[in-house]
Protein backbone atom coordinates (compact mmCIF):
# COMPACT_ATOMS: atom_id res chain seq x y z
CA MET A 1 -26.01 54.90 137.85
CA ASP A 2 -28.36 55.85 140.68
CA ASP A 3 -26.79 54.31 143.78
CA SER A 4 -30.25 53.69 145.27
CA ILE A 5 -31.10 51.22 142.50
CA LYS A 6 -29.88 47.68 142.92
CA PRO A 7 -28.53 46.32 139.64
CA LEU A 8 -29.87 43.06 138.25
CA ARG A 9 -26.91 40.76 137.73
CA GLU A 10 -26.98 37.20 136.47
CA GLU A 11 -25.04 35.96 139.50
CA ASP A 12 -27.61 37.50 141.85
CA ALA A 13 -30.72 36.29 140.01
CA ASP A 14 -32.45 33.15 141.29
CA PRO A 15 -32.03 30.27 138.84
CA ASP A 16 -35.78 29.65 139.21
CA PRO A 17 -37.76 32.51 137.61
CA LEU A 18 -40.80 31.78 139.75
CA LYS A 19 -38.72 32.37 142.89
CA GLN A 20 -37.24 35.50 141.34
CA PHE A 21 -40.75 36.76 140.62
CA ALA A 22 -41.92 35.91 144.14
CA ALA A 23 -39.02 37.92 145.61
CA TRP A 24 -39.77 40.96 143.43
CA PHE A 25 -43.51 40.69 144.10
CA ARG A 26 -42.87 40.61 147.84
CA GLU A 27 -40.55 43.63 147.57
CA ALA A 28 -43.22 45.52 145.60
CA GLY A 29 -45.67 44.92 148.44
CA ASP A 30 -43.10 45.87 151.06
CA ALA A 31 -42.43 49.12 149.16
CA GLY A 32 -46.05 50.13 149.69
CA ILE A 33 -47.02 49.88 146.03
CA GLU A 34 -50.80 49.92 145.74
CA GLY A 35 -52.06 46.87 143.88
CA PRO A 36 -48.76 45.12 143.07
CA GLU A 37 -50.90 42.29 141.65
CA ALA A 38 -52.20 44.54 138.83
CA MET A 39 -51.01 43.30 135.47
CA ALA A 40 -51.62 43.93 131.79
CA VAL A 41 -52.90 40.92 129.86
CA ALA A 42 -52.37 40.86 126.10
CA THR A 43 -54.29 38.47 123.86
CA ALA A 44 -54.72 38.19 120.11
CA THR A 45 -57.21 36.92 117.57
CA PRO A 46 -56.29 34.00 115.29
CA ASP A 47 -55.30 36.54 112.61
CA ALA A 48 -52.93 38.24 115.11
CA ALA A 49 -54.93 41.39 115.96
CA PRO A 50 -53.80 42.23 119.53
CA SER A 51 -55.70 43.67 122.49
CA VAL A 52 -54.58 44.45 126.03
CA ARG A 53 -56.21 45.35 129.35
CA MET A 54 -55.43 45.55 133.06
CA VAL A 55 -56.59 42.77 135.39
CA LEU A 56 -55.65 41.54 138.86
CA MET A 57 -53.53 38.44 139.32
CA LYS A 58 -55.22 36.34 141.98
CA HIS A 59 -52.70 33.54 142.46
CA PHE A 60 -49.37 32.24 141.20
CA ASP A 61 -47.47 29.02 141.80
CA GLU A 62 -45.46 26.46 139.87
CA ARG A 63 -48.50 25.81 137.64
CA GLY A 64 -48.74 29.41 136.44
CA PHE A 65 -50.38 32.80 136.95
CA VAL A 66 -54.14 33.01 137.47
CA PHE A 67 -56.71 35.72 136.79
CA TYR A 68 -60.50 35.57 136.46
CA THR A 69 -62.78 36.75 133.70
CA ASN A 70 -66.05 36.31 131.87
CA TYR A 71 -65.31 33.59 129.31
CA GLU A 72 -67.66 35.34 126.86
CA SER A 73 -65.70 38.61 127.08
CA ARG A 74 -63.33 39.72 124.34
CA LYS A 75 -60.29 38.33 126.11
CA GLY A 76 -62.14 35.13 126.96
CA GLN A 77 -63.10 34.57 123.34
CA GLU A 78 -59.64 35.47 122.05
CA LEU A 79 -58.03 33.03 124.49
CA LEU A 80 -60.44 30.32 123.39
CA ALA A 81 -59.50 30.83 119.74
CA ASN A 82 -55.80 31.58 120.32
CA PRO A 83 -54.83 30.19 123.77
CA ARG A 84 -51.69 32.21 124.42
CA ALA A 85 -51.18 35.35 126.50
CA ALA A 86 -48.54 37.87 127.53
CA LEU A 87 -48.52 39.42 131.01
CA LEU A 88 -46.82 42.59 132.22
CA PHE A 89 -46.24 43.78 135.78
CA HIS A 90 -44.95 47.37 136.14
CA TRP A 91 -43.76 48.62 139.52
CA THR A 92 -42.73 52.23 138.89
CA VAL A 93 -41.49 52.98 142.41
CA LEU A 94 -38.91 50.21 142.13
CA GLY A 95 -38.15 50.85 138.45
CA ARG A 96 -39.09 47.27 137.60
CA GLN A 97 -41.08 45.35 135.04
CA VAL A 98 -41.73 41.63 134.65
CA ARG A 99 -42.93 40.19 131.35
CA ILE A 100 -44.35 36.66 131.15
CA GLU A 101 -45.46 34.75 128.04
CA GLY A 102 -47.02 31.35 127.58
CA PRO A 103 -50.06 29.21 126.81
CA ALA A 104 -53.32 29.91 128.63
CA GLU A 105 -55.96 27.48 129.84
CA ARG A 106 -59.24 27.65 131.72
CA LEU A 107 -59.33 26.48 135.31
CA GLY A 108 -61.59 23.58 136.19
CA ALA A 109 -65.05 24.44 137.49
CA GLU A 110 -64.25 23.26 141.01
CA GLU A 111 -61.13 25.40 141.31
CA SER A 112 -62.93 28.45 139.91
CA SER A 113 -65.90 27.97 142.23
CA VAL A 114 -63.69 28.16 145.33
CA TYR A 115 -62.58 31.65 144.34
CA ILE A 116 -66.04 32.75 143.19
CA ARG A 117 -67.52 31.81 146.57
CA SER A 118 -64.82 33.84 148.33
CA ARG A 119 -65.87 37.08 146.61
CA PRO A 120 -68.20 39.64 148.20
CA ARG A 121 -71.85 39.03 147.33
CA GLY A 122 -72.03 42.23 145.29
CA SER A 123 -69.11 41.13 143.12
CA GLN A 124 -70.73 37.75 142.58
CA LEU A 125 -73.96 39.46 141.49
CA SER A 126 -72.09 41.70 139.07
CA ALA A 127 -70.31 38.72 137.51
CA LEU A 128 -73.63 36.94 137.04
CA ALA A 129 -75.40 39.98 135.61
CA SER A 130 -72.79 41.63 133.38
CA PRO A 131 -72.52 40.58 129.71
CA GLN A 132 -68.86 41.61 129.79
CA SER A 133 -67.54 43.29 126.62
CA GLN A 134 -71.01 43.26 125.02
CA PRO A 135 -72.86 46.51 124.17
CA VAL A 136 -75.41 47.67 126.75
CA GLU A 137 -77.94 50.48 126.44
CA SER A 138 -76.92 52.34 129.57
CA ARG A 139 -75.59 52.19 133.12
CA ALA A 140 -79.21 51.95 134.21
CA GLU A 141 -79.59 48.74 132.21
CA LEU A 142 -76.67 47.16 134.08
CA GLU A 143 -78.10 48.24 137.42
CA ARG A 144 -81.50 46.81 136.44
CA LEU A 145 -79.92 43.43 135.66
CA VAL A 146 -78.19 43.36 139.04
CA ALA A 147 -81.39 44.42 140.83
CA GLU A 148 -83.34 41.62 139.17
CA LEU A 149 -80.79 39.04 140.26
CA THR A 150 -80.72 40.47 143.78
CA ALA A 151 -84.48 40.12 144.05
CA LEU A 152 -84.42 36.63 142.57
CA HIS A 153 -81.78 35.43 145.06
CA GLU A 154 -82.60 37.29 148.26
CA SER A 155 -80.96 34.71 150.51
CA GLY A 156 -78.70 31.69 150.29
CA GLU A 157 -75.82 31.08 147.93
CA LEU A 158 -75.90 32.56 144.48
CA PRO A 159 -75.73 30.21 141.49
CA LEU A 160 -72.30 29.73 140.00
CA PRO A 161 -71.93 31.48 136.64
CA GLU A 162 -71.17 29.04 133.84
CA HIS A 163 -69.58 31.80 131.77
CA TRP A 164 -67.14 33.10 134.42
CA GLY A 165 -63.99 31.57 135.88
CA GLY A 166 -60.23 31.43 136.01
CA ILE A 167 -57.52 31.55 133.36
CA ARG A 168 -54.06 30.17 134.08
CA VAL A 169 -51.06 31.32 132.04
CA ARG A 170 -48.22 28.79 132.10
CA PRO A 171 -44.93 30.67 131.60
CA GLU A 172 -42.62 29.67 128.79
CA ARG A 173 -40.63 32.88 128.97
CA TYR A 174 -39.92 35.43 131.70
CA GLU A 175 -38.18 38.77 131.38
CA PHE A 176 -37.08 40.83 134.38
CA TRP A 177 -36.37 44.51 133.69
CA GLN A 178 -34.58 46.80 136.14
CA HIS A 179 -34.21 50.53 135.56
CA ARG A 180 -30.65 51.86 135.39
CA SER A 181 -29.34 55.33 134.64
CA ASP A 182 -28.72 56.62 131.10
CA ARG A 183 -31.11 54.00 129.65
CA LEU A 184 -28.60 51.18 130.26
CA HIS A 185 -31.32 49.13 131.90
CA ASP A 186 -30.83 45.53 133.03
CA ARG A 187 -32.91 42.92 131.18
CA LEU A 188 -32.63 39.24 132.08
CA VAL A 189 -34.63 36.67 130.14
CA TYR A 190 -35.41 33.12 131.28
CA THR A 191 -36.16 30.44 128.69
CA PRO A 192 -36.72 26.71 129.28
CA ARG A 193 -33.91 24.23 128.94
CA GLU A 194 -33.60 20.59 129.94
CA GLY A 195 -33.75 20.37 133.71
CA GLY A 196 -34.46 24.04 134.34
CA TRP A 197 -34.12 27.50 132.87
CA ALA A 198 -31.44 29.31 130.88
CA ILE A 199 -30.72 32.94 131.84
CA GLY A 200 -29.61 35.42 129.20
CA ARG A 201 -29.13 39.18 129.02
CA LEU A 202 -30.87 41.44 126.51
CA ALA A 203 -29.72 44.87 125.38
CA PRO A 204 -31.94 47.66 126.74
């Protein structure tokens, strides 16, 4: 075992997986990892065809993990038809991964609007203009759409996009993975039980 790597033992793990995640997330930031909030989001169609992409987690709390998207995008449509998702955080410097699985739901319009209004104006324009995941003729076509919106709304607040907002994934399963030498990695899984969470160990 590499002595610089702290093992992941059941007795050291927080009984609350959200607190365990918060501790690891904080340590990822402290380690200087660029974009520790970057995560893979996997979705699937009703007939179980999977797809995955990288997004940025914008918030997490006891209600779940939140990211934002165009609801008419591929992931938005897949989550509408099959409202479950799997998340993956991978922090290479620390030799750590966190996997999260659970049902997904759209945020209410008011909650989404607070975040939308906090974004730079250019990002708001792009969200309004882009038909995310749909075919476009060219980069120039995208830039033309943004330019038209910019001219239409030269001043004042931009309209809120009806097709864009937050998704919250409510964890039903967490897995914390810690690199160890010789592939004998530590894997602790949290699953719900009455009054809290059960912690188990998986073979690497």
